[in-house]
Amino acid sequence: MNEKNLFSTDADCSAQAEIYASIDVRKRLVVEYSCSYDDAPQRDFDRRAVVDSEDTAQMAAYYKVGVEQLPQLLFDRCGVPYDSTPSEADGVFKEALDVILDSGVHYKLSNL
């Protein structure tokens, strides 16, 4: 599996958020967003956006990259290359989903 970290929070934050983009074994683009709170575990969540394999191939063609390069493309367009604050995570996830939609394909969003 090809995976790229788009966002991570600083380890000292009371809320930890991470966003990863990957290509799974079925050649689908997957963007996962997880967040956990030290002081409020009831607010923890995991979200996943999955682009089916046909749409993943169409997205790669739209951006003129190989399918395996899509996680890097998402990082280049909206990733944060340093540990950040949790408040920025929602914006990065939204930007990643917008890059997907801009290519004319769709994703399925689910809570894990």
Protein backbone atom coordinates (compact mmCIF):
# COMPACT_ATOMS: atom_id res chain seq x y z
CA MET A 1 0.00 0.00 0.00
CA ASN A 2 1.23 3.49 -0.93
CA GLU A 3 0.56 5.96 1.93
CA LYS A 4 1.32 9.64 2.63
CA ASN A 5 0.75 11.55 5.87
CA LEU A 6 -1.09 14.77 4.98
CA PHE A 7 -1.42 16.12 8.51
CA SER A 8 -0.33 15.39 12.10
CA THR A 9 -0.73 17.33 15.30
CA ASP A 10 2.05 18.20 17.66
CA ALA A 11 2.51 15.41 20.22
CA ASP A 12 2.00 17.91 23.07
CA CYS A 13 -1.58 18.77 22.04
CA SER A 14 -4.45 17.37 24.12
CA ALA A 15 -6.22 16.47 20.86
CA GLN A 16 -4.40 14.30 18.35
CA ALA A 17 -5.39 14.40 14.67
CA GLU A 18 -3.91 12.63 11.67
CA ILE A 19 -4.85 12.51 8.02
CA TYR A 20 -3.45 9.94 5.61
CA ALA A 21 -3.93 9.42 1.89
CA SER A 22 -3.24 6.00 0.44
CA ILE A 23 -3.84 3.67 -2.46
CA ASP A 24 -5.19 0.36 -1.19
CA VAL A 25 -4.71 -3.10 -2.69
CA ARG A 26 -7.81 -2.62 -4.88
CA LYS A 27 -6.26 0.55 -6.39
CA ARG A 28 -8.74 2.82 -4.58
CA LEU A 29 -7.74 6.21 -3.21
CA VAL A 30 -8.45 6.36 0.52
CA VAL A 31 -8.24 9.49 2.71
CA GLU A 32 -8.51 8.77 6.44
CA TYR A 33 -8.98 11.40 9.14
CA SER A 34 -8.80 10.39 12.78
CA CYS A 35 -8.97 12.53 15.87
CA SER A 36 -8.77 11.62 19.57
CA TYR A 37 -9.16 13.82 22.62
CA ASP A 38 -7.33 13.15 25.89
CA ASP A 39 -9.96 14.95 27.97
CA ALA A 40 -13.11 13.98 26.00
CA PRO A 41 -12.88 10.51 24.43
CA GLN A 42 -16.58 10.67 23.50
CA ARG A 43 -15.57 13.22 20.83
CA ASP A 44 -13.08 10.83 19.17
CA PHE A 45 -13.80 9.99 15.53
CA ASP A 46 -12.45 8.29 12.43
CA ARG A 47 -13.65 9.29 8.95
CA ARG A 48 -12.78 7.72 5.65
CA ALA A 49 -13.33 8.92 2.10
CA VAL A 50 -12.93 6.20 -0.55
CA VAL A 51 -12.72 6.76 -4.29
CA ASP A 52 -13.52 3.56 -6.21
CA SER A 53 -10.83 2.15 -8.49
CA GLU A 54 -12.36 3.41 -11.75
CA ASP A 55 -12.69 6.94 -10.40
CA THR A 56 -9.19 6.73 -8.92
CA ALA A 57 -7.82 5.93 -12.40
CA GLN A 58 -9.89 8.78 -13.86
CA MET A 59 -8.58 11.18 -11.21
CA ALA A 60 -4.98 10.16 -11.96
CA ALA A 61 -5.56 10.76 -15.67
CA TYR A 62 -7.12 14.16 -14.95
CA TYR A 63 -4.05 15.25 -12.95
CA LYS A 64 -1.67 13.48 -15.39
CA VAL A 65 -0.03 11.32 -12.74
CA GLY A 66 0.08 7.61 -12.03
CA VAL A 67 -2.43 6.17 -9.57
CA GLU A 68 0.37 5.48 -7.07
CA GLN A 69 1.31 9.18 -7.17
CA LEU A 70 -2.10 10.44 -5.99
CA PRO A 71 -1.21 10.44 -2.25
CA GLN A 72 1.83 12.62 -3.05
CA LEU A 73 -0.34 14.88 -5.23
CA LEU A 74 -2.73 15.39 -2.31
CA PHE A 75 0.21 16.15 -0.02
CA ASP A 76 1.61 18.66 -2.51
CA ARG A 77 -1.75 20.42 -2.84
CA CYS A 78 -3.01 20.45 0.73
CA GLY A 79 -0.63 18.62 3.08
CA VAL A 80 1.01 20.28 6.06
CA PRO A 81 4.69 19.26 6.23
CA TYR A 82 5.08 19.97 9.97
CA ASP A 83 3.26 19.08 13.18
CA SER A 84 0.40 21.50 13.62
CA THR A 85 -2.59 22.32 15.82
CA PRO A 86 -5.80 20.25 15.70
CA SER A 87 -7.78 23.29 14.51
CA GLU A 88 -6.13 23.03 11.07
CA ALA A 89 -7.10 19.38 10.50
CA ASP A 90 -10.67 20.00 9.30
CA GLY A 91 -9.39 22.42 6.65
CA VAL A 92 -6.80 19.96 5.36
CA PHE A 93 -9.38 17.16 5.13
CA LYS A 94 -11.81 19.45 3.29
CA GLU A 95 -9.07 20.55 0.88
CA ALA A 96 -8.15 16.93 0.12
CA LEU A 97 -11.80 16.14 -0.63
CA ASP A 98 -12.04 19.24 -2.83
CA VAL A 99 -9.02 18.09 -4.87
CA ILE A 100 -10.84 14.80 -5.46
CA LEU A 101 -14.06 16.55 -6.52
CA ASP A 102 -12.17 19.01 -8.74
CA SER A 103 -11.12 16.08 -10.92
CA GLY A 104 -14.75 15.24 -11.64
CA VAL A 105 -14.94 12.06 -9.55
CA HIS A 106 -16.77 11.23 -6.34
CA TYR A 107 -15.95 9.57 -3.05
CA LYS A 108 -17.92 7.70 -0.40
CA LEU A 109 -17.58 9.14 3.09
CA SER A 110 -18.03 6.95 6.14
CA ASN A 111 -17.44 7.07 9.87
CA LEU A 112 -15.47 4.16 11.24
